[in-house]
């Protein structure tokens, strides 16, 4: 059962989500705040499995949240809470260190599922985010006929900067708009395995982002 710390933009939203998680099964609420500066010491002491944070807070944005969590002795995973997957800051925050996102429409069950999925090191990407990931890795889409083959997830040959062809094929299918269960059917894998591959891709984005920062610094 994952332990969760909440960071939300305003007090009203924070209290609503607190109430949801306190009544939900499958997660344990460790703490909450709407101010990052007040929360960091508490997060360090509580060491939650996951910090669930809005893209924007009163005193910070999600990229700073990711940076500050990365400085902790035990780094929790970061789930971004967003009203839409099309927010311009979402990909930047994922690249900066966030591990996954959840489109928050107030549905308690969906939020708990997102937290459980992340705790199991599973994630997902929208078509737009997959296209941005391809660009960030500096690679083109695979030929669609190749990406759809059952052998595609086994292709370990290099595709670009620290990414293999199997990941390129996955990003291609996601960018094309295929759903995770559809990809799982094509590749004859469980949907959970596809989600784990997406989670690992997001981790590679962190590495790529750090490389760019070092190169630019």
Protein backbone atom coordinates (compact mmCIF):
# COMPACT_ATOMS: atom_id res chain seq x y z
CA UNK A 1 0.00 0.00 0.00
CA UNK A 2 1.63 3.29 -1.07
CA UNK A 3 2.01 6.18 1.36
CA UNK A 4 1.18 9.51 -0.25
CA UNK A 5 1.95 13.16 0.48
CA UNK A 6 -0.35 15.72 -1.17
CA UNK A 7 0.68 19.10 -2.58
CA UNK A 8 -2.23 21.09 -4.04
CA UNK A 9 -2.56 24.66 -5.27
CA UNK A 10 -5.21 25.86 -2.83
CA UNK A 11 -6.68 24.85 0.50
CA UNK A 12 -10.13 23.93 -0.87
CA UNK A 13 -8.72 21.48 -3.43
CA UNK A 14 -6.31 20.12 -0.85
CA UNK A 15 -9.10 19.37 1.62
CA UNK A 16 -11.24 17.73 -1.06
CA UNK A 17 -8.44 15.39 -2.11
CA UNK A 18 -7.47 14.71 1.52
CA UNK A 19 -11.02 13.60 2.26
CA UNK A 20 -11.04 11.36 -0.81
CA UNK A 21 -7.82 9.58 0.12
CA UNK A 22 -8.65 9.26 3.81
CA UNK A 23 -11.79 7.36 2.86
CA UNK A 24 -10.22 5.34 0.03
CA UNK A 25 -8.82 1.84 0.35
CA UNK A 26 -5.41 0.93 -1.02
CA UNK A 27 -3.49 4.11 -0.14
CA UNK A 28 -2.33 5.77 3.07
CA UNK A 29 -2.22 9.56 3.36
CA UNK A 30 1.04 10.58 5.03
CA UNK A 31 0.55 14.36 5.01
CA UNK A 32 -0.46 17.36 2.92
CA UNK A 33 0.24 21.02 2.24
CA UNK A 34 -0.44 23.72 -0.34
CA UNK A 35 2.99 25.33 0.16
CA UNK A 36 6.14 23.49 -0.97
CA UNK A 37 8.41 25.44 1.37
CA UNK A 38 6.41 24.28 4.38
CA UNK A 39 6.20 20.69 3.14
CA UNK A 40 9.82 19.77 2.38
CA UNK A 41 10.94 19.14 5.96
CA UNK A 42 7.84 17.05 6.61
CA UNK A 43 8.30 15.06 3.39
CA UNK A 44 11.92 14.34 4.33
CA UNK A 45 10.83 13.10 7.76
CA UNK A 46 7.84 11.05 6.58
CA UNK A 47 9.59 9.56 3.52
CA UNK A 48 6.34 8.83 1.61
CA UNK A 49 6.39 6.50 -1.38
CA UNK A 50 4.73 9.10 -3.60
CA UNK A 51 4.28 12.86 -3.63
CA UNK A 52 1.17 13.83 -5.61
CA UNK A 53 1.48 17.45 -6.68
CA UNK A 54 -0.33 19.98 -8.84
CA UNK A 55 1.69 21.37 -11.74
CA UNK A 56 1.53 24.76 -10.05
CA UNK A 57 1.64 25.58 -6.35
CA UNK A 58 1.42 28.82 -4.41
CA UNK A 59 5.21 29.08 -4.13
CA UNK A 60 6.54 26.77 -6.84
CA UNK A 61 5.93 24.82 -10.03
CA UNK A 62 6.28 21.09 -10.61
CA UNK A 63 9.81 21.35 -12.02
CA UNK A 64 10.99 22.82 -8.72
CA UNK A 65 9.08 20.14 -6.82
CA UNK A 66 10.92 17.48 -8.84
CA UNK A 67 14.25 19.20 -8.18
CA UNK A 68 13.69 19.49 -4.43
CA UNK A 69 12.52 15.88 -4.11
CA UNK A 70 15.65 14.77 -5.94
CA UNK A 71 17.77 16.31 -3.18
CA UNK A 72 16.16 14.23 -0.41
CA UNK A 73 18.01 11.23 1.10
CA UNK A 74 15.09 9.00 0.04
CA UNK A 75 13.44 10.35 -3.08
CA UNK A 76 9.70 9.66 -3.39
CA UNK A 77 8.15 9.18 -6.79
CA UNK A 78 6.32 12.22 -8.11
CA UNK A 79 2.80 12.03 -9.56
CA UNK A 80 1.66 15.19 -11.33
CA UNK A 81 -1.99 16.18 -10.92
CA UNK A 82 -3.28 18.11 -13.93
CA UNK A 83 -6.70 19.01 -15.35
CA UNK A 84 -5.47 18.17 -18.85
CA UNK A 85 -2.69 16.15 -20.48
CA UNK A 86 -2.14 19.04 -22.89
CA UNK A 87 -0.68 21.45 -20.31
CA UNK A 88 2.52 22.94 -21.71
CA UNK A 89 4.38 22.42 -18.41
CA UNK A 90 3.56 18.73 -18.17
CA UNK A 91 6.30 17.37 -20.42
CA UNK A 92 8.88 19.72 -18.90
CA UNK A 93 7.99 18.47 -15.42
CA UNK A 94 8.16 14.82 -16.50
CA UNK A 95 11.59 15.46 -18.02
CA UNK A 96 12.73 17.27 -14.86
CA UNK A 97 12.07 14.29 -12.60
CA UNK A 98 8.34 13.56 -12.28
CA UNK A 99 7.46 9.90 -12.83
CA UNK A 100 3.87 9.99 -14.04
CA UNK A 101 0.78 12.16 -14.32
CA UNK A 102 -2.91 11.87 -13.58
CA UNK A 103 -5.66 13.89 -15.24
CA UNK A 104 -7.61 14.86 -12.13
CA UNK A 105 -11.36 15.14 -12.66
CA UNK A 106 -12.28 14.54 -9.03
CA UNK A 107 -12.75 10.78 -9.47
CA UNK A 108 -11.42 9.14 -6.30
CA UNK A 109 -11.14 5.67 -7.81
CA UNK A 110 -9.15 6.94 -10.78
CA UNK A 111 -6.74 8.80 -8.49
CA UNK A 112 -6.19 5.72 -6.32
CA UNK A 113 -5.58 3.65 -9.46
CA UNK A 114 -3.01 6.20 -10.66
CA UNK A 115 -1.22 6.12 -7.30
CA UNK A 116 -1.25 2.31 -7.21
CA UNK A 117 0.00 2.13 -10.79
CA UNK A 118 2.91 4.45 -10.00
CA UNK A 119 3.74 2.55 -6.81
CA UNK A 120 4.11 -0.54 -9.05
CA UNK A 121 6.41 1.48 -11.32
CA UNK A 122 3.90 1.74 -14.14
CA UNK A 123 3.02 4.85 -16.12
CA UNK A 124 1.37 6.07 -19.33
CA UNK A 125 1.88 8.77 -21.97
CA UNK A 126 -0.62 10.63 -24.13
CA UNK A 127 0.00 10.83 -27.91
CA UNK A 128 1.24 14.43 -27.57
CA UNK A 129 3.66 13.53 -24.77
CA UNK A 130 4.94 10.55 -26.79
CA UNK A 131 5.64 12.86 -29.72
CA UNK A 132 7.51 15.24 -27.41
CA UNK A 133 9.53 12.31 -26.04
CA UNK A 134 10.57 11.25 -29.54
CA UNK A 135 11.77 14.80 -30.17
CA UNK A 136 13.59 14.94 -26.83
CA UNK A 137 15.47 11.73 -27.65
CA UNK A 138 16.24 13.07 -31.13
CA UNK A 139 14.73 10.10 -32.97
CA UNK A 140 12.14 9.69 -35.72
CA UNK A 141 9.08 7.47 -35.49
CA UNK A 142 9.53 3.85 -36.51
CA UNK A 143 7.73 2.61 -39.63
CA UNK A 144 4.28 1.78 -38.29
CA UNK A 145 4.24 -1.67 -39.85
CA UNK A 146 7.46 -2.47 -37.97
CA UNK A 147 6.29 -1.04 -34.65
CA UNK A 148 3.10 -3.12 -34.74
CA UNK A 149 4.90 -6.47 -35.11
CA UNK A 150 4.90 -8.91 -32.15
CA UNK A 151 8.71 -8.92 -32.37
CA UNK A 152 8.92 -5.13 -31.90
CA UNK A 153 9.28 -5.20 -28.09
CA UNK A 154 12.27 -7.54 -28.41
CA UNK A 155 14.29 -5.19 -30.64
CA UNK A 156 17.24 -4.17 -28.45
CA UNK A 157 19.33 -2.50 -31.16
CA UNK A 158 20.23 1.16 -30.50
CA UNK A 159 17.78 3.77 -31.76
CA UNK A 160 19.38 6.97 -30.52
CA UNK A 161 20.54 8.70 -27.39
CA UNK A 162 20.37 5.96 -24.71
CA UNK A 163 17.23 4.44 -26.17
CA UNK A 164 16.69 1.13 -27.94
CA UNK A 165 14.48 0.34 -30.91
CA UNK A 166 11.84 -1.35 -28.74
CA UNK A 167 11.29 1.95 -26.91
CA UNK A 168 11.22 3.83 -30.20
CA UNK A 169 8.54 1.43 -31.46
CA UNK A 170 6.53 1.96 -28.27
CA UNK A 171 6.70 5.74 -28.54
CA UNK A 172 5.69 5.45 -32.19
CA UNK A 173 2.54 3.51 -31.34
CA UNK A 174 1.69 5.87 -28.48
CA UNK A 175 2.24 8.90 -30.72
CA UNK A 176 -0.06 7.30 -33.28
CA UNK A 177 -2.80 7.27 -30.64
CA UNK A 178 -2.93 3.56 -29.81
CA UNK A 179 -4.17 2.72 -26.33
CA UNK A 180 -2.03 0.68 -23.98
CA UNK A 181 -4.32 -2.40 -24.16
CA UNK A 182 -4.18 -2.19 -27.98
CA UNK A 183 -0.37 -2.16 -27.90
CA UNK A 184 -0.39 -5.07 -25.45
CA UNK A 185 -2.57 -7.07 -27.85
CA UNK A 186 -0.30 -6.33 -30.83
CA UNK A 187 2.81 -7.25 -28.87
CA UNK A 188 1.21 -10.21 -27.05
CA UNK A 189 2.14 -8.75 -23.65
CA UNK A 190 0.21 -7.74 -20.54
CA UNK A 191 -0.93 -4.12 -20.36
CA UNK A 192 0.99 -3.84 -17.08
CA UNK A 193 4.21 -4.69 -18.92
CA UNK A 194 3.58 -1.91 -21.43
CA UNK A 195 3.00 0.49 -18.51
CA UNK A 196 6.29 -0.61 -16.93
CA UNK A 197 8.07 0.11 -20.20
CA UNK A 198 6.53 3.58 -20.29
CA UNK A 199 7.70 4.18 -16.70
CA UNK A 200 11.24 3.25 -17.71
CA UNK A 201 11.02 5.60 -20.70
CA UNK A 202 10.11 8.47 -18.40
CA UNK A 203 13.15 7.63 -16.29
CA UNK A 204 15.29 7.85 -19.43
CA UNK A 205 13.84 11.33 -20.02
CA UNK A 206 15.27 12.33 -16.63
CA UNK A 207 18.72 11.16 -17.73
CA UNK A 208 18.43 12.97 -21.05
CA UNK A 209 17.32 16.17 -19.32
CA UNK A 210 20.29 16.05 -16.91
CA UNK A 211 22.68 15.53 -19.82
CA UNK A 212 21.30 18.61 -21.56
CA UNK A 213 21.65 20.66 -18.38
CA UNK A 214 25.28 19.58 -17.96
CA UNK A 215 26.02 20.27 -21.63
CA UNK A 216 24.43 23.70 -21.40
CA UNK A 217 26.05 24.56 -18.09
